[in-house]
Amino acid sequence: MSNKHQGKKFENFIYDILQHRSKKLLVTALIFLSLFGTILMLPTEVVLARMLPGKSSNTFSIYVKTPDGSSISQTKEVVQCVEDILKPEKEVTDIESFIGEGAPLDYAGLVKGSGMKQGERFAEIVVNLTDKHHRDEKSFIMVQRLRPVIKNSCESKIDGTVIQMIEMPAGPPTMASIVVEVYGDSNTKVAGVANEVSKVLKQTDKIVDVDVMSETPYDKYKLMPISEKIARSGLSVEQVNQILYLAFKGMVVAVKNTIELNDQVGIFVSLSDETKDINENSLASLRTKLSSLYLMNNKGMMIPLTEVVEIKEVKSDRTIYHKDLKTMINVTAETDNQSQVYPLLDARDKMIKYFSEKGYEVNKEPGISTYMFDLTLVDKKTGEEYLLRWDGEMKVTLDTFRDLGAAFIAALILIFLLMVIYYKSYAISGIILGGSFLSIIGVILGHWVANLFTEDVFFLTATSLIGFIALIGISSRNSLLLVDFTKDLIKNNGIEKQRAIAIASATRLKPILLTAIAIILGSSLLASDPVFGGLGVALISGTVVAVIVSIIFVPVLMDNTEAI
């Protein structure tokens, strides 16, 4: 009796709403206000969108890049500073430092350019952590905590040093969270524009680890053997080369045979670090260092090295990068466990203002996907043109959301066409379609609620949109059954329309609730997953709203159409 009583009570509740125009308007207004308010959460950053949330792993890397022309001893100084900060961390098991080169390539290093980091000013530090299942702090939270400490303490060791904290990607690997590709005709001028872009990114909130993937030309000294003087002195060019390598690099000068090994062991000789170091970066200091080196000629005479070599001061060559046969330089940046989209839009607005004030004509590049954010700069004085194109994880995020949005629209169109064929009515198909779309209220609202109860930012991710698309079938089924049941009551039982809608809603309430409970209980297993948590939350909260829409709002829409 209690179930019948409750069913009759809910039937009267729906019937009462349908009887009063003001109540129907109130229900409609509340639904549309909820829809408008939840969608507004995305541009106002109440709910943040991202491709995938951060991934807690057992390792992360730190890239160190000292200024162009820095010595390996200066790079070691910065690396030592970073190591001193990491060593007291209880979750750090060991640290591997690769100075003058990148670490052996891993999943992230393949696309982040670790293999290209060759030279005295480069270093990579691989930090290994305790197992993620046995520690409370997630790796990306640790990176976020340590980043300002390391950068503030160690970048100041050598002015112009760039330190980047590199995490293992949770999804498709990209060069960085935000990448700005700067295209132009002259490599030197493109580098100048790239440096201006980096200044704007550094001034944008939530953007960190800004770096320009290009060298700045610096002064260096070139030692050129004077063949004529070498021949007159009774020496050889090979002797000159060997003493230079021996003095500054070290080399194998002999071999040792051993009983234990079948191969010969090279004897490597090198001067001490103190002896190799030059006091200051000047031609006089280099000449003084070389004047202490002597070579013995074929007559046993000692010849000063400075007599047979010429020292020239030259500029270093800048590496020229190309993409699609165009000169290009990358500017990379990270977003410190934040969504990439909002800092990008902020930085783009600042770039438009900055370059307009610098004497450029700024044009917004038309296109689709992320190309709609591209900027074309035209120098008003010279007429030279530069293109700023956005790439990185931000591009993957926007492309993924675009594709999933297109899939959602395609699903809605297919449902609408099937319903039109079945009911031969655009109005009824529109009711079912509208009820399906309104589950987005629950999807967005669920992420906002989940963010209140989680320590980390709970992003609206690609898996969340997959859950939203999956809800279309569930909510469409609820509305379809209500329409069919109502039409049957009117046609076969001769019941008045509003009463038939109320009876159908009350009758289908229990099956709808049981289906919703099953979905919620099954999806709860996904809600705590770091990657698929968005899918679980979308299914749970979207199902709740889909039920409310099906049993309250859809009956109002059915009453307002003549097709039923």
Protein backbone atom coordinates (compact mmCIF):
# COMPACT_ATOMS: atom_id res chain seq x y z
CA MET A 1 0.00 0.00 0.00
CA SER A 2 2.87 2.36 0.81
CA ASN A 3 4.29 2.09 -2.72
CA LYS A 4 0.89 2.79 -4.23
CA HIS A 5 0.41 5.67 -1.85
CA GLN A 6 3.78 7.15 -2.73
CA GLY A 7 3.09 6.64 -6.43
CA LYS A 8 -0.27 8.39 -6.11
CA LYS A 9 1.35 11.20 -4.17
CA PHE A 10 4.00 11.76 -6.86
CA GLU A 11 1.30 11.52 -9.55
CA ASN A 12 -0.67 14.28 -7.83
CA PHE A 13 2.52 16.33 -7.48
CA ILE A 14 3.19 16.22 -11.24
CA TYR A 15 -0.48 16.78 -12.03
CA ASP A 16 -0.54 19.83 -9.78
CA ILE A 17 2.42 21.32 -11.65
CA LEU A 18 0.75 20.69 -15.01
CA GLN A 19 -2.50 22.28 -13.81
CA HIS A 20 -0.90 25.62 -12.97
CA ARG A 21 0.82 27.66 -15.66
CA SER A 22 2.85 29.58 -13.09
CA LYS A 23 4.36 26.36 -11.71
CA LYS A 24 5.26 25.15 -15.19
CA LEU A 25 6.96 28.46 -15.86
CA LEU A 26 8.80 28.18 -12.54
CA VAL A 27 10.09 24.68 -13.39
CA THR A 28 11.17 25.85 -16.86
CA ALA A 29 12.88 28.95 -15.43
CA LEU A 30 14.75 26.91 -12.79
CA ILE A 31 16.01 24.43 -15.39
CA PHE A 32 17.25 27.12 -17.78
CA LEU A 33 18.79 29.16 -14.97
CA SER A 34 20.62 26.01 -13.83
CA LEU A 35 21.80 25.38 -17.39
CA PHE A 36 23.02 28.95 -17.83
CA GLY A 37 24.67 29.03 -14.39
CA THR A 38 26.55 25.75 -14.79
CA ILE A 39 27.81 26.52 -18.31
CA LEU A 40 28.98 29.90 -16.98
CA MET A 41 31.23 28.02 -14.55
CA LEU A 42 33.64 27.21 -17.41
CA PRO A 43 34.54 30.73 -18.66
CA THR A 44 34.52 32.09 -15.08
CA GLU A 45 37.04 29.35 -14.08
CA VAL A 46 34.83 27.98 -11.30
CA VAL A 47 35.27 24.62 -13.06
CA LEU A 48 38.56 24.22 -14.97
CA ALA A 49 38.95 22.21 -18.18
CA ARG A 50 42.05 20.18 -18.97
CA MET A 51 42.98 17.26 -21.22
CA LEU A 52 43.84 14.97 -18.29
CA PRO A 53 44.62 15.62 -14.61
CA GLY A 54 48.10 15.33 -13.15
CA LYS A 55 49.62 11.86 -12.93
CA SER A 56 51.42 10.73 -9.80
CA SER A 57 54.50 8.76 -10.82
CA ASN A 58 57.67 7.46 -9.20
CA THR A 59 60.03 9.84 -10.96
CA PHE A 60 60.38 13.32 -12.40
CA SER A 61 63.17 15.24 -14.11
CA ILE A 62 64.73 18.67 -13.77
CA TYR A 63 66.28 20.36 -16.80
CA VAL A 64 69.08 22.86 -16.12
CA LYS A 65 70.21 25.28 -18.82
CA THR A 66 72.84 27.85 -17.93
CA PRO A 67 73.44 30.88 -20.22
CA ASP A 68 75.13 30.45 -23.59
CA GLY A 69 78.89 30.21 -23.23
CA SER A 70 78.77 28.88 -19.65
CA SER A 71 81.42 26.39 -18.60
CA ILE A 72 80.67 22.92 -17.28
CA SER A 73 81.89 24.00 -13.83
CA GLN A 74 79.19 26.69 -13.74
CA THR A 75 76.57 24.12 -14.75
CA LYS A 76 77.84 21.82 -11.98
CA GLU A 77 77.40 24.66 -9.48
CA VAL A 78 73.71 25.01 -10.36
CA VAL A 79 73.19 21.23 -10.35
CA GLN A 80 74.80 20.98 -6.91
CA CYS A 81 72.42 23.64 -5.63
CA VAL A 82 69.42 21.64 -6.90
CA GLU A 83 70.76 18.42 -5.39
CA ASP A 84 71.24 20.08 -1.99
CA ILE A 85 67.55 21.04 -1.95
CA LEU A 86 66.37 17.58 -3.03
CA LYS A 87 68.51 15.48 -0.67
CA PRO A 88 66.59 16.33 2.56
CA GLU A 89 63.28 15.26 0.94
CA LYS A 90 62.26 12.02 2.68
CA GLU A 91 60.37 10.72 -0.38
CA VAL A 92 63.45 11.03 -2.66
CA THR A 93 65.24 7.68 -2.90
CA ASP A 94 68.08 8.66 -5.24
CA ILE A 95 69.18 11.36 -7.67
CA GLU A 96 70.97 10.90 -11.01
CA SER A 97 72.64 13.95 -12.53
CA PHE A 98 73.72 14.02 -16.19
CA ILE A 99 75.95 17.05 -16.81
CA GLY A 100 76.70 18.10 -20.35
CA GLU A 101 74.01 15.82 -21.77
CA GLY A 102 70.43 14.67 -21.29
CA ALA A 103 69.41 11.53 -19.44
CA PRO A 104 68.73 8.29 -21.36
CA LEU A 105 65.47 8.87 -23.22
CA ASP A 106 62.23 7.96 -21.49
CA TYR A 107 58.55 8.45 -22.33
CA ALA A 108 58.63 12.19 -21.62
CA GLY A 109 62.13 12.89 -22.92
CA LEU A 110 61.34 11.61 -26.41
CA VAL A 111 59.18 14.65 -27.19
CA LYS A 112 60.57 17.16 -24.72
CA GLY A 113 63.92 17.27 -26.48
CA SER A 114 66.07 15.59 -23.83
CA GLY A 115 68.28 14.02 -26.52
CA MET A 116 69.07 17.47 -27.95
CA LYS A 117 70.56 18.73 -24.69
CA GLN A 118 74.23 18.32 -25.55
CA GLY A 119 76.85 20.80 -24.36
CA GLU A 120 78.51 22.18 -21.27
CA ARG A 121 75.59 24.41 -20.35
CA PHE A 122 73.02 21.58 -20.22
CA ALA A 123 72.22 19.15 -17.43
CA GLU A 124 69.37 16.84 -16.53
CA ILE A 125 68.60 15.61 -13.03
CA VAL A 126 66.46 12.48 -12.69
CA VAL A 127 64.73 12.28 -9.30
CA ASN A 128 63.45 8.86 -8.20
CA LEU A 129 60.78 8.70 -5.49
CA THR A 130 59.33 6.07 -3.21
CA ASP A 131 56.47 4.04 -4.65
CA LYS A 132 53.38 6.19 -5.25
CA HIS A 133 51.22 3.71 -3.35
CA HIS A 134 53.34 4.15 -0.20
CA ARG A 135 53.49 7.95 0.06
CA ASP A 136 50.90 10.61 0.79
CA GLU A 137 52.24 13.40 -1.45
CA LYS A 138 51.67 12.96 -5.18
CA SER A 139 54.60 13.58 -7.48
CA PHE A 140 52.96 16.53 -9.28
CA ILE A 141 52.14 18.14 -5.93
CA MET A 142 55.77 17.69 -4.88
CA VAL A 143 56.93 19.30 -8.14
CA GLN A 144 54.55 22.19 -7.56
CA ARG A 145 55.90 22.65 -4.02
CA LEU A 146 59.59 22.38 -4.92
CA ARG A 147 59.50 24.47 -8.12
CA PRO A 148 59.57 27.95 -6.48
CA VAL A 149 62.14 26.83 -3.89
CA ILE A 150 64.56 25.45 -6.49
CA LYS A 151 64.11 28.28 -8.98
CA ASN A 152 64.49 31.04 -6.38
CA SER A 153 67.58 29.46 -4.83
CA CYS A 154 69.44 28.07 -7.84
CA GLU A 155 68.63 30.21 -10.88
CA SER A 156 70.35 33.14 -9.17
CA LYS A 157 73.64 31.18 -8.95
CA ILE A 158 74.36 31.98 -12.61
CA ASP A 159 72.43 34.93 -14.01
CA GLY A 160 70.28 33.82 -16.95
CA THR A 161 69.92 30.18 -15.87
CA VAL A 162 66.64 28.40 -16.70
CA ILE A 163 65.45 25.46 -14.56
CA GLN A 164 62.46 23.40 -15.71
CA MET A 165 60.56 20.79 -13.71
CA ILE A 166 59.44 17.96 -16.01
CA GLU A 167 56.71 15.50 -14.98
CA MET A 168 55.70 12.24 -16.60
CA PRO A 169 52.69 13.03 -18.83
CA ALA A 170 49.32 11.50 -17.96
CA GLY A 171 48.23 11.42 -21.58
CA PRO A 172 49.73 12.10 -25.01
CA PRO A 173 53.30 13.39 -24.51
CA THR A 174 53.94 16.93 -25.68
CA MET A 175 56.93 19.26 -25.69
CA ALA A 176 55.36 21.42 -22.96
CA SER A 177 51.99 22.53 -21.60
CA ILE A 178 52.14 25.66 -23.74
CA VAL A 179 54.29 25.98 -26.87
CA VAL A 180 54.41 29.09 -29.03
CA GLU A 181 55.93 28.51 -32.46
CA VAL A 182 57.39 31.74 -33.87
CA TYR A 183 57.76 31.73 -37.66
CA GLY A 184 59.56 34.27 -39.85
CA ASP A 185 62.14 34.69 -42.61
CA SER A 186 65.24 35.79 -40.67
CA ASN A 187 66.47 33.50 -37.90
CA THR A 188 67.98 36.41 -35.96
CA LYS A 189 64.79 38.47 -36.10
CA VAL A 190 62.62 35.45 -35.28
CA ALA A 191 64.78 34.94 -32.18
CA GLY A 192 64.14 38.57 -31.20
CA VAL A 193 60.36 38.10 -31.51
CA ALA A 194 60.61 34.82 -29.57
CA ASN A 195 62.37 36.62 -26.72
CA GLU A 196 59.57 39.22 -26.68
CA VAL A 197 57.00 36.40 -26.53
CA SER A 198 58.84 34.85 -23.57
CA LYS A 199 58.70 38.21 -21.72
CA VAL A 200 54.91 38.29 -22.09
CA LEU A 201 54.57 34.68 -20.90
CA LYS A 202 56.71 35.39 -17.84
CA GLN A 203 54.37 38.26 -16.92
CA THR A 204 51.28 36.02 -17.17
CA ASP A 205 49.86 34.47 -14.01
CA LYS A 206 49.98 30.66 -13.64
CA ILE A 207 52.68 30.29 -16.33
CA VAL A 208 56.09 29.02 -15.17
CA ASP A 209 59.30 27.53 -16.60
CA VAL A 210 59.35 29.80 -19.65
CA ASP A 211 62.20 29.00 -22.04
CA VAL A 212 63.24 30.01 -25.55
CA MET A 213 64.67 27.04 -27.47
CA SER A 214 67.36 29.06 -29.19
CA GLU A 215 70.90 30.12 -28.43
CA THR A 216 72.07 33.67 -27.87
CA PRO A 217 75.34 34.34 -29.77
CA TYR A 218 78.25 34.78 -27.39
CA ASP A 219 81.94 35.62 -27.71
CA LYS A 220 84.33 32.70 -28.06
CA TYR A 221 87.96 32.25 -29.03
CA LYS A 222 89.09 30.18 -31.97
CA LEU A 223 92.61 28.69 -31.97
CA MET A 224 93.96 28.40 -35.50
CA PRO A 225 97.28 26.58 -36.12
CA ILE A 226 99.71 28.63 -38.28
CA SER A 227 100.93 25.97 -40.72
CA GLU A 228 103.97 27.93 -41.92
CA LYS A 229 105.32 28.60 -38.42
CA ILE A 230 104.61 25.01 -37.36
CA ALA A 231 106.64 23.66 -40.30
CA ARG A 232 109.56 26.07 -39.66
CA SER A 233 109.60 25.15 -35.96
CA GLY A 234 109.99 21.45 -36.71
CA LEU A 235 106.54 20.58 -35.33
CA SER A 236 103.35 19.07 -36.77
CA VAL A 237 99.73 20.16 -36.70
CA GLU A 238 98.89 16.88 -34.95
CA GLN A 239 101.21 17.81 -32.07
CA VAL A 240 99.43 21.16 -31.66
CA ASN A 241 96.01 19.52 -31.62
CA GLN A 242 97.09 16.87 -29.14
CA ILE A 243 98.52 19.30 -26.59
CA LEU A 244 95.36 21.40 -26.76
CA TYR A 245 93.16 18.34 -26.14
CA LEU A 246 95.49 17.17 -23.39
CA ALA A 247 95.43 20.55 -21.66
CA PHE A 248 91.72 21.31 -21.78
CA LYS A 249 89.92 18.01 -22.38
CA GLY A 250 92.26 15.17 -21.58
CA MET A 251 93.11 12.22 -23.82
CA VAL A 252 94.42 8.68 -23.91
CA VAL A 253 98.23 8.83 -24.05
CA ALA A 254 99.07 5.14 -23.70
CA VAL A 255 97.57 1.72 -23.03
CA LYS A 256 98.06 -0.89 -20.32
CA ASN A 257 97.92 -4.62 -20.88
CA THR A 258 96.32 -6.70 -18.14
CA ILE A 259 96.14 -10.41 -17.43
CA GLU A 260 92.52 -10.22 -16.27
CA LEU A 261 91.24 -8.49 -19.43
CA ASN A 262 91.73 -9.56 -23.02
CA ASP A 263 91.64 -5.95 -24.17
CA GLN A 264 93.99 -3.03 -23.61
CA VAL A 265 93.03 -0.40 -21.04
CA GLY A 266 93.61 3.20 -22.07
CA ILE A 267 95.56 5.52 -19.79
CA PHE A 268 93.68 8.82 -19.74
CA VAL A 269 95.65 11.92 -18.74
CA SER A 270 94.07 15.27 -17.95
CA LEU A 271 95.08 18.39 -16.09
CA SER A 272 93.39 19.15 -12.79
CA ASP A 273 90.33 21.39 -12.76
CA GLU A 274 92.30 24.19 -11.10
CA THR A 275 94.97 24.05 -13.78
CA LYS A 276 92.49 23.98 -16.67
CA ASP A 277 90.39 26.87 -15.38
CA ILE A 278 90.92 30.29 -16.90
CA ASN A 279 90.64 33.11 -14.40
CA GLU A 280 88.40 35.31 -16.50
CA ASN A 281 86.74 35.40 -19.90
CA SER A 282 89.27 37.54 -21.74
CA LEU A 283 91.83 37.24 -24.51
CA ALA A 284 94.68 38.14 -22.14
CA SER A 285 93.79 35.33 -19.70
CA LEU A 286 93.61 32.77 -22.50
CA ARG A 287 96.94 33.92 -23.94
CA THR A 288 98.55 33.68 -20.48
CA LYS A 289 97.23 30.12 -20.07
CA LEU A 290 98.51 29.07 -23.52
CA SER A 291 101.92 30.66 -22.92
CA SER A 292 102.57 28.07 -20.21
CA LEU A 293 102.28 25.23 -22.73
CA TYR A 294 105.39 24.15 -24.70
CA LEU A 295 105.99 21.66 -27.50
CA MET A 296 109.25 19.79 -28.21
CA ASN A 297 110.30 19.82 -31.87
CA ASN A 298 112.34 17.18 -33.72
CA LYS A 299 115.59 18.87 -32.57
CA GLY A 300 114.68 18.70 -28.89
CA MET A 301 113.92 22.43 -28.60
CA MET A 302 110.90 23.68 -26.57
CA ILE A 303 108.58 25.91 -28.62
CA PRO A 304 105.89 28.04 -26.87
CA LEU A 305 102.39 27.15 -28.10
CA THR A 306 101.51 30.81 -28.53
CA GLU A 307 104.17 31.09 -31.26
CA VAL A 308 102.44 28.61 -33.59
CA VAL A 309 98.73 29.33 -33.06
CA GLU A 310 96.59 32.38 -33.82
CA ILE A 311 93.82 33.37 -31.41
CA LYS A 312 90.71 34.89 -32.97
CA GLU A 313 87.70 36.30 -31.14
CA VAL A 314 84.50 35.23 -32.96
CA LYS A 315 80.76 35.02 -32.33
CA SER A 316 79.13 31.64 -31.80
CA ASP A 317 76.76 30.35 -34.47
CA ARG A 318 73.05 30.24 -33.74
CA THR A 319 71.30 26.94 -34.46
CA ILE A 320 68.69 27.33 -37.21
CA TYR A 321 65.45 25.41 -36.63
CA HIS A 322 62.90 24.65 -39.34
CA LYS A 323 59.37 23.27 -39.43
CA ASP A 324 57.41 22.75 -42.63
CA LEU A 325 60.37 24.32 -44.49
CA LYS A 326 59.96 27.55 -42.52
CA THR A 327 62.33 29.15 -40.02
CA MET A 328 60.88 28.60 -36.57
CA ILE A 329 61.81 28.93 -32.88
CA ASN A 330 59.83 27.38 -30.02
CA VAL A 331 58.96 29.18 -26.80
CA THR A 332 57.87 26.67 -24.14
CA ALA A 333 56.14 27.10 -20.78
CA GLU A 334 54.39 25.04 -18.10
CA THR A 335 51.22 25.84 -16.15
CA ASP A 336 52.08 24.46 -12.68
CA ASN A 337 49.23 21.92 -12.35
CA GLN A 338 46.71 24.32 -13.88
CA SER A 339 44.55 24.22 -16.97
CA GLN A 340 46.42 25.47 -20.05
CA VAL A 341 43.48 27.15 -21.77
CA TYR A 342 42.91 30.08 -19.41
CA PRO A 343 46.56 31.24 -19.09
CA LEU A 344 46.81 30.93 -22.89
CA LEU A 345 43.86 33.26 -23.44
CA ASP A 346 45.29 35.70 -20.90
CA ALA A 347 48.75 35.60 -22.51
CA ARG A 348 47.27 36.01 -25.99
CA ASP A 349 45.42 39.17 -24.96
CA LYS A 350 48.63 40.54 -23.44
CA MET A 351 50.58 39.73 -26.62
CA ILE A 352 48.06 41.58 -28.79
CA LYS A 353 48.44 44.66 -26.59
CA TYR A 354 52.24 44.32 -26.20
CA PHE A 355 53.09 43.92 -29.91
CA SER A 356 50.60 46.62 -30.93
CA GLU A 357 52.49 49.04 -28.68
CA LYS A 358 55.81 47.81 -30.14
CA GLY A 359 54.89 48.95 -33.64
CA TYR A 360 53.40 45.78 -35.07
CA GLU A 361 50.10 45.34 -36.83
CA VAL A 362 48.51 42.37 -35.06
CA ASN A 363 46.04 40.24 -37.02
CA LYS A 364 44.08 37.34 -35.59
CA GLU A 365 44.65 34.30 -37.77
CA PRO A 366 41.37 32.73 -38.93
CA GLY A 367 40.97 28.98 -38.84
CA ILE A 368 39.62 26.05 -36.92
CA SER A 369 40.74 24.28 -33.77
CA THR A 370 43.70 25.99 -32.08
CA TYR A 371 44.57 27.87 -35.28
CA MET A 372 41.87 30.34 -34.35
CA PHE A 373 44.23 31.57 -31.60
CA ASP A 374 47.18 32.21 -33.94
CA LEU A 375 48.47 35.74 -34.35
CA THR A 376 50.15 37.34 -37.37
CA LEU A 377 52.56 40.21 -36.64
CA VAL A 378 53.49 42.68 -39.37
CA ASP A 379 56.27 45.16 -38.66
CA LYS A 380 54.87 48.56 -39.71
CA LYS A 381 58.37 49.88 -40.53
CA THR A 382 59.87 47.00 -42.52
CA GLY A 383 56.76 45.06 -43.56
CA GLU A 384 58.27 41.82 -42.24
CA GLU A 385 55.71 39.24 -41.15
CA TYR A 386 55.83 36.80 -38.24
CA LEU A 387 53.39 34.06 -37.24
CA LEU A 388 52.72 33.02 -33.63
CA ARG A 389 51.21 29.54 -33.59
CA TRP A 390 50.09 27.78 -30.38
CA ASP A 391 50.99 24.14 -29.76
CA GLY A 392 51.76 21.76 -26.90
CA GLU A 393 49.39 20.12 -24.44
CA MET A 394 47.08 23.10 -24.82
CA LYS A 395 46.55 22.22 -28.49
CA VAL A 396 45.89 18.58 -27.64
CA THR A 397 43.35 19.70 -25.03
CA LEU A 398 41.43 21.98 -27.38
CA ASP A 399 41.55 19.49 -30.25
CA THR A 400 40.27 16.72 -27.98
CA PHE A 401 37.42 18.85 -26.64
CA ARG A 402 36.60 19.88 -30.21
CA ASP A 403 36.47 16.27 -31.40
CA LEU A 404 34.43 15.09 -28.42
CA GLY A 405 32.08 18.04 -28.87
CA ALA A 406 31.63 17.08 -32.51
CA ALA A 407 30.92 13.48 -31.45
CA PHE A 408 28.31 14.74 -28.99
CA ILE A 409 26.60 16.88 -31.64
CA ALA A 410 26.64 13.93 -34.05
CA ALA A 411 25.02 11.72 -31.39
CA LEU A 412 22.29 14.30 -30.78
CA ILE A 413 21.57 14.63 -34.50
CA LEU A 414 21.35 10.86 -34.93
CA ILE A 415 19.01 10.53 -31.94
CA PHE A 416 16.86 13.36 -33.29
CA LEU A 417 16.61 11.78 -36.76
CA LEU A 418 15.74 8.36 -35.33
CA MET A 419 13.06 9.89 -33.12
CA VAL A 420 11.59 11.84 -36.06
CA ILE A 421 11.38 8.62 -38.09
CA TYR A 422 9.80 6.75 -35.16
CA TYR A 423 7.34 9.40 -33.92
CA LYS A 424 6.93 11.35 -37.15
CA SER A 425 7.03 14.48 -35.01
CA TYR A 426 9.71 17.12 -34.65
CA ALA A 427 8.21 18.34 -31.37
CA ILE A 428 8.41 14.97 -29.57
CA SER A 429 11.94 14.41 -30.92
CA GLY A 430 12.92 17.86 -29.65
CA ILE A 431 11.59 17.00 -26.17
CA ILE A 432 13.70 13.85 -26.00
CA LEU A 433 16.71 15.69 -27.39
CA GLY A 434 16.34 18.57 -24.91
CA GLY A 435 16.09 16.19 -21.97
CA SER A 436 19.29 14.44 -23.08
CA PHE A 437 21.29 17.66 -23.41
CA LEU A 438 20.31 18.95 -19.96
CA SER A 439 22.38 16.25 -18.25
CA ILE A 440 25.32 18.63 -18.81
CA ILE A 441 24.02 20.55 -15.78
CA GLY A 442 24.87 17.58 -13.59
CA VAL A 443 28.21 16.92 -15.28
CA ILE A 444 29.55 20.43 -14.64
CA LEU A 445 27.93 20.79 -11.22
CA GLY A 446 29.33 17.40 -10.18
CA HIS A 447 32.87 18.52 -11.00
CA TRP A 448 32.39 21.68 -8.96
CA VAL A 449 31.20 19.65 -5.95
CA ALA A 450 34.03 17.12 -6.39
CA ASN A 451 36.54 19.97 -6.43
CA LEU A 452 35.27 21.12 -3.01
CA PHE A 453 36.03 17.74 -1.46
CA THR A 454 39.37 16.94 -3.07
CA GLU A 455 42.82 18.19 -2.18
CA ASP A 456 43.84 18.68 -5.82
CA VAL A 457 42.04 20.63 -8.52
CA PHE A 458 39.32 18.41 -10.00
CA PHE A 459 39.40 19.20 -13.72
CA LEU A 460 36.71 18.73 -16.35
CA THR A 461 38.68 16.34 -18.56
CA ALA A 462 38.32 14.44 -21.80
CA THR A 463 37.02 11.43 -19.87
CA SER A 464 34.34 13.69 -18.37
CA LEU A 465 33.06 14.48 -21.86
CA ILE A 466 33.05 10.77 -22.69
CA GLY A 467 30.76 10.27 -19.69
CA PHE A 468 28.54 13.12 -20.88
CA ILE A 469 28.18 11.49 -24.30
CA ALA A 470 27.36 8.15 -22.66
CA LEU A 471 24.55 9.83 -20.69
CA ILE A 472 22.71 10.74 -23.89
CA GLY A 473 21.42 7.20 -24.33
CA ILE A 474 20.36 6.88 -20.68
CA SER A 475 18.45 10.15 -20.49
CA SER A 476 16.94 9.62 -23.95
CA ARG A 477 15.59 6.23 -22.87
CA ASN A 478 13.88 7.75 -19.83
CA SER A 479 12.16 10.43 -21.89
CA LEU A 480 11.22 7.96 -24.63
CA LEU A 481 9.48 5.62 -22.18
CA LEU A 482 7.50 8.50 -20.67
CA VAL A 483 6.30 9.63 -24.09
CA ASP A 484 5.32 6.10 -25.18
CA PHE A 485 3.50 5.36 -21.92
CA THR A 486 1.64 8.66 -22.05
CA LYS A 487 0.55 8.17 -25.66
CA ASP A 488 -0.66 4.65 -24.83
CA LEU A 489 -2.75 5.88 -21.86
CA ILE A 490 -4.37 8.59 -23.97
CA LYS A 491 -5.05 6.36 -26.98
CA ASN A 492 -6.12 3.09 -25.36
CA ASN A 493 -7.54 4.22 -22.01
CA GLY A 494 -8.95 7.58 -23.03
CA ILE A 495 -7.31 9.34 -20.11
CA GLU A 496 -7.03 13.11 -20.20
CA LYS A 497 -3.60 14.34 -21.36
CA GLN A 498 -2.30 15.98 -18.16
CA ARG A 499 -3.50 13.07 -16.01
CA ALA A 500 -1.92 10.60 -18.44
CA ILE A 501 1.44 12.45 -18.20
CA ALA A 502 1.21 12.40 -14.39
CA ILE A 503 0.37 8.66 -14.30
CA ALA A 504 3.19 7.85 -16.71
CA SER A 505 5.68 9.84 -14.62
CA ALA A 506 4.59 8.13 -11.39
CA THR A 507 4.59 4.66 -12.98
CA ARG A 508 8.04 5.03 -14.54
CA LEU A 509 9.55 6.66 -11.44
CA LYS A 510 10.64 3.43 -9.75
CA PRO A 511 12.32 1.84 -12.85
CA ILE A 512 14.06 5.14 -13.61
CA LEU A 513 15.37 5.39 -10.04
CA LEU A 514 16.56 1.75 -10.01
CA THR A 515 18.43 2.28 -13.28
CA ALA A 516 19.99 5.48 -11.91
CA ILE A 517 21.09 3.77 -8.68
CA ALA A 518 22.75 0.97 -10.66
CA ILE A 519 24.66 3.51 -12.78
CA ILE A 520 25.69 5.54 -9.73
CA LEU A 521 26.95 2.49 -7.80
CA GLY A 522 28.87 1.20 -10.82
CA SER A 523 30.39 4.59 -11.60
CA SER A 524 31.48 5.17 -8.00
CA LEU A 525 34.33 2.72 -8.61
CA LEU A 526 35.75 5.13 -11.21
CA ALA A 527 35.29 8.34 -9.22
CA SER A 528 38.53 7.94 -7.25
CA ASP A 529 40.68 6.99 -10.24
CA PRO A 530 43.25 9.73 -11.08
CA VAL A 531 42.59 9.54 -14.85
CA PHE A 532 39.03 8.23 -15.15
CA GLY A 533 37.67 10.10 -12.13
CA GLY A 534 36.06 12.64 -14.46
CA LEU A 535 34.17 9.84 -16.22
CA GLY A 536 32.85 8.49 -12.90
CA VAL A 537 31.77 11.90 -11.60
CA ALA A 538 30.13 12.78 -14.94
CA LEU A 539 28.09 9.57 -14.92
CA ILE A 540 27.05 9.96 -11.26
CA SER A 541 26.09 13.62 -11.23
CA GLY A 542 24.78 13.58 -14.81
CA THR A 543 22.50 10.63 -14.01
CA VAL A 544 21.05 12.44 -10.99
CA VAL A 545 20.14 15.48 -13.11
CA ALA A 546 18.92 13.29 -15.96
CA VAL A 547 16.44 11.65 -13.56
CA ILE A 548 15.18 15.02 -12.29
CA VAL A 549 14.80 16.32 -15.84
CA SER A 550 13.03 13.16 -17.00
CA ILE A 551 10.39 13.05 -14.27
CA ILE A 552 9.75 16.78 -13.76
CA PHE A 553 10.82 18.90 -16.75
CA VAL A 554 10.04 16.49 -19.59
CA PRO A 555 6.38 16.19 -18.42
CA VAL A 556 6.13 20.00 -18.60
CA LEU A 557 7.49 19.95 -22.16
CA MET A 558 5.09 17.12 -23.09
CA ASP A 559 2.12 19.13 -21.80
CA ASN A 560 3.11 22.11 -23.93
CA THR A 561 3.15 20.21 -27.22
CA GLU A 562 0.14 19.29 -29.33
CA ALA A 563 1.90 16.23 -30.77
CA ILE A 564 0.96 14.13 -27.73
